[in-house]
Protein backbone atom coordinates (compact mmCIF):
# COMPACT_ATOMS: atom_id res chain seq x y z
CA MET A 1 0.00 0.00 0.00
CA GLN A 2 1.37 3.39 -1.00
CA ARG A 3 1.82 5.81 1.89
CA ARG A 4 1.97 9.59 2.03
CA LYS A 5 3.16 12.04 4.66
CA PHE A 6 0.33 13.59 6.68
CA GLY A 7 0.93 17.26 5.94
CA LYS A 8 3.47 18.89 8.22
CA LEU A 9 3.13 16.16 10.86
CA ASP A 10 5.82 13.55 11.40
CA PHE A 11 3.99 10.42 10.28
CA ASP A 12 2.49 8.97 7.10
CA VAL A 13 -0.76 7.16 6.34
CA SER A 14 -2.11 4.85 3.68
CA LEU A 15 -3.13 6.58 0.46
CA LEU A 16 -6.39 4.62 0.52
CA GLY A 17 -8.76 5.65 3.29
CA PHE A 18 -11.70 3.42 4.22
CA GLY A 19 -14.87 5.55 4.23
CA CYS A 20 -17.55 4.02 6.45
CA MET A 21 -20.59 5.69 4.91
CA ARG A 22 -21.53 3.00 2.35
CA LEU A 23 -21.00 -0.27 4.22
CA PRO A 24 -22.98 -3.35 3.12
CA THR A 25 -26.47 -3.49 4.60
CA VAL A 26 -29.33 -5.92 5.17
CA GLU A 27 -33.01 -5.34 4.48
CA GLU A 28 -34.16 -6.04 8.02
CA PRO A 29 -31.80 -5.91 11.00
CA ALA A 30 -32.10 -8.41 13.81
CA PRO A 31 -34.15 -7.10 16.76
CA ASP A 32 -31.08 -7.10 19.01
CA SER A 33 -28.70 -5.57 16.42
CA LEU A 34 -26.41 -2.86 17.77
CA VAL A 35 -25.46 -1.68 14.28
CA GLY A 36 -28.84 -1.19 12.63
CA LYS A 37 -28.96 -2.25 8.99
CA ILE A 38 -25.19 -2.65 8.60
CA ASP A 39 -24.34 -6.22 7.57
CA TYR A 40 -21.97 -6.72 10.49
CA ASP A 41 -20.18 -9.88 9.36
CA LYS A 42 -19.49 -8.66 5.82
CA ALA A 43 -18.49 -5.19 6.96
CA VAL A 44 -16.09 -6.50 9.63
CA GLU A 45 -14.48 -8.80 7.09
CA MET A 46 -13.95 -5.83 4.74
CA VAL A 47 -12.54 -3.48 7.36
CA ARG A 48 -10.16 -6.03 8.84
CA TYR A 49 -9.03 -7.22 5.40
CA ALA A 50 -8.23 -3.62 4.51
CA ILE A 51 -6.23 -3.09 7.70
CA ASP A 52 -4.39 -6.39 7.28
CA ASN A 53 -3.39 -5.23 3.80
CA GLY A 54 -2.02 -1.84 4.72
CA VAL A 55 -4.99 0.51 5.05
CA ASP A 56 -4.71 2.46 8.29
CA TYR A 57 -6.94 5.53 7.78
CA LEU A 58 -10.61 4.94 8.66
CA ASP A 59 -13.21 7.67 8.27
CA THR A 60 -16.69 7.83 9.76
CA ALA A 61 -19.07 10.47 11.12
CA TYR A 62 -21.84 10.93 13.66
CA PRO A 63 -24.81 10.53 11.22
CA TYR A 64 -23.51 7.79 8.91
CA HIS A 65 -25.72 4.71 8.59
CA GLU A 66 -28.44 6.28 10.73
CA GLU A 67 -25.90 6.96 13.49
CA LYS A 68 -24.69 3.35 13.57
CA SER A 69 -21.39 3.63 11.69
CA GLU A 70 -19.44 4.76 14.76
CA VAL A 71 -21.01 1.98 16.83
CA PHE A 72 -20.02 -0.53 14.16
CA LEU A 73 -16.41 0.66 14.12
CA GLY A 74 -16.21 0.46 17.88
CA LEU A 75 -16.96 -3.24 17.57
CA ALA A 76 -14.99 -3.90 14.38
CA LEU A 77 -11.78 -2.44 15.80
CA LYS A 78 -11.58 -4.80 18.75
CA ASP A 79 -8.96 -7.56 18.93
CA GLY A 80 -6.08 -5.10 18.55
CA TYR A 81 -7.25 -3.41 15.34
CA ARG A 82 -7.89 -0.04 17.00
CA GLU A 83 -4.20 0.38 17.76
CA ARG A 84 -3.28 -0.20 14.11
CA VAL A 85 -5.25 2.67 12.57
CA LYS A 86 -5.76 6.41 12.50
CA LEU A 87 -9.44 6.84 13.31
CA ALA A 88 -11.32 9.85 11.92
CA THR A 89 -14.80 11.04 12.84
CA LYS A 90 -16.66 14.33 12.76
CA LEU A 91 -18.51 16.76 15.00
CA PRO A 92 -22.07 17.33 13.65
CA VAL A 93 -21.75 21.13 13.66
CA TRP A 94 -25.34 21.61 12.42
CA LYS A 95 -26.54 20.12 15.73
CA VAL A 96 -24.43 22.46 17.87
CA ASN A 97 -26.20 25.31 19.65
CA THR A 98 -23.78 25.95 22.52
CA ARG A 99 -20.12 25.36 23.37
CA GLU A 100 -21.24 22.63 25.78
CA ASP A 101 -22.88 20.70 22.94
CA CYS A 102 -19.44 20.06 21.43
CA ASP A 103 -18.31 18.20 24.53
CA LEU A 104 -21.55 16.22 24.69
CA TYR A 105 -21.21 15.00 21.11
CA LEU A 106 -17.51 14.21 21.36
CA ASN A 107 -17.98 12.23 24.57
CA GLU A 108 -20.87 10.33 22.98
CA GLN A 109 -18.68 9.53 19.99
CA LEU A 110 -15.90 8.25 22.21
CA ASP A 111 -18.43 5.90 23.82
CA ARG A 112 -19.76 4.72 20.49
CA LEU A 113 -16.27 4.08 19.16
CA GLN A 114 -15.19 2.41 22.44
CA THR A 115 -11.96 4.42 22.51
CA ASP A 116 -10.27 6.95 24.79
CA TYR A 117 -9.23 9.22 21.93
CA ILE A 118 -9.93 10.05 18.31
CA ASP A 119 -6.93 10.54 16.07
CA MET A 120 -8.50 12.81 13.44
CA TYR A 121 -11.44 14.94 14.54
CA LEU A 122 -13.20 17.02 11.92
CA LEU A 123 -15.79 19.76 12.00
CA HIS A 124 -18.30 18.21 9.62
CA ALA A 125 -19.43 19.84 6.36
CA LEU A 126 -18.41 23.42 6.97
CA GLY A 127 -20.15 26.03 4.86
CA LYS A 128 -21.38 29.59 5.34
CA ASP A 129 -24.00 28.75 7.96
CA THR A 130 -22.02 26.20 9.95
CA TRP A 131 -18.94 28.43 9.92
CA GLN A 132 -21.03 31.06 11.70
CA THR A 133 -22.01 28.40 14.23
CA VAL A 134 -18.32 27.63 14.78
CA LYS A 135 -17.66 31.28 15.57
CA ARG A 136 -20.76 31.83 17.69
CA CYS A 137 -20.32 28.71 19.81
CA SER A 138 -16.55 28.93 20.35
CA VAL A 139 -15.99 25.62 18.57
CA LEU A 140 -12.34 26.39 17.82
CA GLU A 141 -11.70 26.88 21.54
CA PHE A 142 -13.39 23.52 22.09
CA LEU A 143 -10.90 21.92 19.69
CA ASP A 144 -8.01 23.42 21.65
CA GLN A 145 -9.40 21.99 24.86
CA ALA A 146 -10.11 18.56 23.39
CA LYS A 147 -6.54 18.36 22.10
CA ALA A 148 -5.15 19.52 25.44
CA ASP A 149 -7.08 16.91 27.44
CA GLY A 150 -6.22 14.12 25.01
CA ARG A 151 -9.68 13.28 23.66
CA ILE A 152 -8.54 14.16 20.13
CA LYS A 153 -5.07 14.25 18.62
CA TYR A 154 -5.47 16.29 15.45
CA ALA A 155 -8.09 18.79 14.29
CA GLY A 156 -9.47 19.26 10.79
CA PHE A 157 -12.64 20.08 8.88
CA SER A 158 -14.61 18.80 5.92
CA PHE A 159 -15.93 21.36 3.49
CA HIS A 160 -18.86 22.03 1.13
CA ASP A 161 -18.96 25.63 -0.09
CA ASP A 162 -17.06 28.06 -2.31
CA LEU A 163 -13.32 28.59 -2.67
CA SER A 164 -13.17 31.98 -0.97
CA LEU A 165 -14.78 30.63 2.21
CA PHE A 166 -12.46 27.62 2.11
CA LYS A 167 -9.42 29.87 2.14
CA GLU A 168 -10.90 31.95 4.97
CA ILE A 169 -11.41 28.81 7.08
CA VAL A 170 -7.93 27.45 6.30
CA ASP A 171 -6.42 30.73 7.50
CA ALA A 172 -8.58 31.01 10.63
CA TYR A 173 -7.05 28.23 12.76
CA ASP A 174 -3.99 26.05 13.12
CA TRP A 175 -5.55 23.07 11.36
CA ASN A 176 -3.74 19.78 10.90
CA PHE A 177 -5.78 18.67 7.90
CA CYS A 178 -8.89 19.24 5.80
CA GLN A 179 -11.23 17.10 3.71
CA ILE A 180 -12.55 18.25 0.33
CA GLN A 181 -14.48 16.84 -2.61
CA LEU A 182 -12.33 16.29 -5.69
CA ASN A 183 -12.54 14.20 -8.85
CA TYR A 184 -11.90 14.74 -12.53
CA MET A 185 -15.37 16.24 -13.04
CA ASP A 186 -15.10 18.56 -10.02
CA GLU A 187 -11.64 20.06 -10.39
CA ASN A 188 -13.07 23.59 -10.08
CA TYR A 189 -16.02 22.75 -7.80
CA GLN A 190 -16.08 24.02 -4.20
CA ALA A 191 -12.45 24.03 -2.98
CA GLY A 192 -11.25 22.27 -6.11
CA VAL A 193 -7.66 21.91 -7.25
CA GLU A 194 -6.87 25.48 -6.25
CA GLY A 195 -8.08 24.80 -2.71
CA LEU A 196 -6.13 21.53 -2.61
CA ARG A 197 -2.92 23.37 -3.39
CA TYR A 198 -3.72 26.29 -1.10
CA ALA A 199 -4.21 23.99 1.90
CA ALA A 200 -1.13 21.89 1.09
CA GLU A 201 1.03 25.01 0.84
CA LYS A 202 -0.11 25.88 4.37
CA GLY A 203 1.12 22.50 5.59
CA LEU A 204 -2.28 20.82 5.90
CA ALA A 205 -2.78 17.20 4.98
CA VAL A 206 -5.60 16.99 2.43
CA VAL A 207 -8.07 14.11 2.52
CA ILE A 208 -10.17 13.63 -0.62
CA MET A 209 -13.81 12.59 -0.50
CA GLU A 210 -15.96 11.59 -3.50
CA PRO A 211 -13.04 10.67 -5.79
CA LEU A 212 -15.58 8.63 -7.78
CA ARG A 213 -18.34 11.24 -7.38
CA GLY A 214 -20.51 8.86 -5.38
CA GLY A 215 -19.87 6.02 -7.82
CA LYS A 216 -20.94 8.05 -10.87
CA LEU A 217 -17.44 7.79 -12.36
CA ALA A 218 -17.19 4.07 -11.72
CA LYS A 219 -20.48 2.38 -12.60
CA ASN A 220 -22.90 2.43 -15.54
CA MET A 221 -20.32 4.15 -17.71
CA PRO A 222 -21.51 5.33 -21.13
CA ALA A 223 -19.94 3.31 -23.92
CA GLU A 224 -18.10 6.40 -25.15
CA ILE A 225 -16.33 6.84 -21.80
CA GLN A 226 -15.47 3.16 -21.46
CA ALA A 227 -14.01 3.29 -24.96
CA LEU A 228 -11.59 6.01 -23.85
CA TRP A 229 -10.20 3.81 -21.11
CA ASP A 230 -10.21 0.67 -23.27
CA GLN A 231 -8.08 2.31 -25.97
CA THR A 232 -5.16 2.51 -23.51
CA GLY A 233 -4.90 -1.27 -23.50
CA THR A 234 -4.24 -1.32 -19.74
CA GLY A 235 -7.40 -3.17 -18.77
CA ARG A 236 -8.02 -0.68 -15.97
CA SER A 237 -11.56 -0.07 -14.79
CA ALA A 238 -13.30 3.32 -14.86
CA ALA A 239 -12.92 3.44 -11.07
CA ASP A 240 -9.18 2.76 -11.34
CA TRP A 241 -8.75 5.66 -13.79
CA ALA A 242 -10.79 8.04 -11.62
CA PHE A 243 -8.68 7.20 -8.56
CA ARG A 244 -5.48 7.67 -10.53
CA TRP A 245 -6.52 11.19 -11.55
CA VAL A 246 -6.94 12.16 -7.87
CA CYS A 247 -3.79 10.40 -6.70
CA ASN A 248 -1.73 12.02 -9.46
CA PHE A 249 -1.68 15.20 -7.35
CA PRO A 250 1.26 15.07 -4.92
CA GLU A 251 -0.72 17.35 -2.60
CA VAL A 252 -3.30 14.59 -1.98
CA THR A 253 -2.66 12.75 1.28
CA VAL A 254 -5.57 10.28 1.47
CA ALA A 255 -8.25 9.30 -1.04
CA LEU A 256 -11.35 8.01 0.71
CA SER A 257 -13.47 5.27 -0.77
CA GLY A 258 -16.88 4.29 0.55
CA MET A 259 -16.52 0.60 -0.25
CA GLY A 260 -19.49 -1.74 -0.13
CA THR A 261 -18.01 -5.12 -1.04
CA LEU A 262 -14.81 -7.05 -0.36
CA ASP A 263 -14.07 -7.08 -4.09
CA GLU A 264 -14.09 -3.27 -4.10
CA VAL A 265 -11.68 -3.26 -1.16
CA LYS A 266 -9.29 -5.58 -3.01
CA ALA A 267 -9.51 -3.60 -6.25
CA ASN A 268 -8.91 -0.27 -4.53
CA ILE A 269 -5.95 -1.60 -2.57
CA ALA A 270 -4.41 -2.74 -5.86
CA THR A 271 -5.00 0.67 -7.46
CA MET A 272 -3.64 2.65 -4.52
CA SER A 273 -0.53 0.51 -4.41
CA GLU A 274 0.39 1.83 -7.87
CA ALA A 275 -1.19 5.30 -8.27
CA ALA A 276 1.91 7.40 -7.73
CA PRO A 277 1.99 11.20 -7.85
CA ASN A 278 2.74 12.78 -11.24
CA SER A 279 2.59 9.35 -12.88
CA LEU A 280 -0.08 10.05 -15.54
CA THR A 281 1.28 10.77 -18.99
CA ALA A 282 0.23 13.74 -21.11
CA GLU A 283 -1.72 11.35 -23.34
CA GLU A 284 -3.57 9.90 -20.34
CA LEU A 285 -4.40 13.34 -18.96
CA ALA A 286 -5.81 14.23 -22.37
CA LEU A 287 -8.23 11.31 -22.07
CA PHE A 288 -9.64 12.83 -18.88
CA LYS A 289 -10.26 16.07 -20.76
CA LYS A 290 -12.17 14.13 -23.40
CA ALA A 291 -14.21 12.41 -20.67
CA GLN A 292 -15.02 15.79 -19.12
CA GLU A 293 -16.11 17.15 -22.48
CA PHE A 294 -18.33 14.17 -23.18
CA PHE A 295 -20.07 14.38 -19.81
CA LEU A 296 -20.50 18.15 -20.04
CA GLU A 297 -22.06 17.87 -23.50
CA ARG A 298 -24.94 16.05 -21.78
CA THR A 299 -25.63 19.03 -19.51
CA MET A 300 -29.29 20.04 -19.67
CA VAL A 301 -28.89 23.55 -18.21
CA LYS A 302 -25.78 25.72 -18.58
CA CYS A 303 -26.25 27.08 -15.05
CA THR A 304 -23.06 28.38 -13.44
CA ASP A 305 -24.50 28.35 -9.89
CA CYS A 306 -23.88 32.11 -9.55
CA ARG A 307 -27.15 32.30 -7.54
CA TYR A 308 -28.14 35.71 -8.84
CA CYS A 309 -31.63 34.19 -9.24
CA LEU A 310 -31.96 33.79 -5.48
CA PRO A 311 -33.83 34.32 -3.30
CA CYS A 312 -36.85 33.21 -5.30
CA PRO A 313 -40.07 34.81 -3.94
CA GLN A 314 -41.65 31.32 -3.88
CA GLY A 315 -38.66 29.64 -2.25
CA VAL A 316 -37.58 27.60 -5.29
CA GLU A 317 -33.93 26.54 -5.01
CA ILE A 318 -33.36 27.14 -8.71
CA PRO A 319 -29.65 26.20 -8.99
CA ASP A 320 -30.23 23.05 -6.91
CA VAL A 321 -33.07 21.96 -9.22
CA PHE A 322 -30.82 22.39 -12.25
CA ALA A 323 -27.87 20.66 -10.55
CA ILE A 324 -30.02 17.60 -9.74
CA TRP A 325 -31.42 17.46 -13.27
CA ASN A 326 -27.99 17.86 -14.84
CA SER A 327 -26.42 15.17 -12.68
CA SER A 328 -29.23 12.68 -13.34
CA VAL A 329 -28.76 13.05 -17.10
CA ILE A 330 -24.97 13.46 -17.28
CA TYR A 331 -24.30 10.30 -15.28
CA ASN A 332 -27.42 8.36 -16.32
CA ARG A 333 -28.81 8.23 -12.78
CA PRO A 334 -32.55 9.04 -13.17
CA GLY A 335 -33.53 7.21 -9.99
CA GLU A 336 -30.96 9.07 -7.94
CA GLY A 337 -32.11 12.36 -9.45
CA LYS A 338 -35.73 11.66 -8.52
CA TRP A 339 -34.69 10.83 -4.95
CA HIS A 340 -32.78 14.10 -4.51
CA TYR A 341 -35.59 16.07 -6.15
CA LYS A 342 -38.10 14.55 -3.75
CA GLN A 343 -36.18 16.17 -0.89
CA LEU A 344 -36.70 19.58 -2.50
CA VAL A 345 -40.40 18.80 -3.02
CA GLU A 346 -40.83 17.87 0.63
CA GLY A 347 -39.15 21.15 1.64
CA ASN A 348 -41.35 23.20 -0.73
CA LYS A 349 -38.21 24.24 -2.62
CA ALA A 350 -38.85 22.40 -5.90
CA ALA A 351 -39.79 23.74 -9.32
CA ASP A 352 -43.49 23.05 -8.76
CA GLN A 353 -43.58 26.15 -6.54
CA CYS A 354 -42.72 28.43 -9.49
CA VAL A 355 -45.47 30.95 -10.42
CA ALA A 356 -43.64 32.27 -13.51
CA CYS A 357 -43.12 35.74 -12.07
CA GLY A 358 -39.95 36.14 -14.16
CA GLN A 359 -37.83 37.78 -11.46
CA CYS A 360 -35.11 35.16 -11.88
CA GLU A 361 -34.91 35.58 -15.64
CA SER A 362 -34.45 39.33 -15.32
CA VAL A 363 -31.19 38.91 -13.38
CA CYS A 364 -29.70 35.72 -14.89
CA PRO A 365 -26.27 36.54 -16.39
CA GLN A 366 -26.57 33.50 -18.68
CA ASN A 367 -29.96 34.69 -20.03
CA LEU A 368 -31.45 31.28 -19.30
CA ALA A 369 -35.14 30.65 -19.95
CA ILE A 370 -35.48 29.65 -16.32
CA ILE A 371 -39.27 29.34 -16.22
CA GLU A 372 -39.37 26.91 -19.15
CA LEU A 373 -36.35 24.99 -17.84
CA LEU A 374 -37.96 24.58 -14.42
CA GLN A 375 -41.03 23.11 -16.10
CA ARG A 376 -38.86 20.66 -18.02
CA ALA A 377 -36.98 19.75 -14.86
CA THR A 378 -40.27 19.04 -13.09
CA ALA A 379 -41.39 16.78 -15.94
CA ALA A 380 -38.11 14.86 -15.79
CA LEU A 381 -37.74 14.55 -12.02
CA ALA A 382 -41.15 14.68 -10.36
């Protein structure tokens, strides 16, 4: 297993990180199950196989698997496995209302994980709203205290917002690491490649989430995309190529994978044993550009997410509607698109709330026919 130095700290970790958000599940858990719908036997086999084969970075969070992922890991890491890994979990910042809440959640997580300390503790999913919560509730002071009393070793944050806020957060505290979304379709999305390099230059380790964009760059590949990879004659899978794009950046410390089967664990270990930094050739990098172009040609709405159209008087989350529609078509995931759209419907934020007032169209820099496009999105997703 390839290993990379953890930022400015004096140790290294496995390039492959085991993300515990998509563990195998069962339809109906046993009445006495401590881990909910997680298929305990299969998941334990996967986690321990990964550790036995060099993976020593495990990532979970308070809400994963209906708040059972941490409980599962507490059990899975018995028999000496806890001492062999760097364990990462996250404070659910959106649940925090006071400074005291931070201690309550951390102590609960320590109990769930059956450990005295957490190696890598992240503030989960920071964005504009949660960053204000961090400031208001003295969460950074909480991190200082938790490090001082030994409950956590290193502090970081995961991020979902724009680049300017990412840089502000990086500069606001003496972080040890951060976690960002990055893949060959999202090189300029949220923190992106620029954010990756900005954090690395500051000495932060950078952990990558969604290197396969939730599986969209690994499964159900259009024939045109598969043909790009096949022409190399390497026999590598679409997932292998997507991982290699991420791992080609020397600034990447860990690439997380939410693995659901033992075969995926074995395949990813093989990939991460070879995916060295700066190893892709110019010809191979050109193939990724062709893949990007193909996917982007399937875009239904050329929305840039500038959000000039917001707030909508009726509460429609216009850019989110278009993003869901685009993703469902680009990656051939209609069922997934309908699921995400249903969440907007239930929150009264979907396109069916549009009354065609035209306010959005009057301010759209792209001159999009937003009213008509919202109607088409409704027809496709509702």
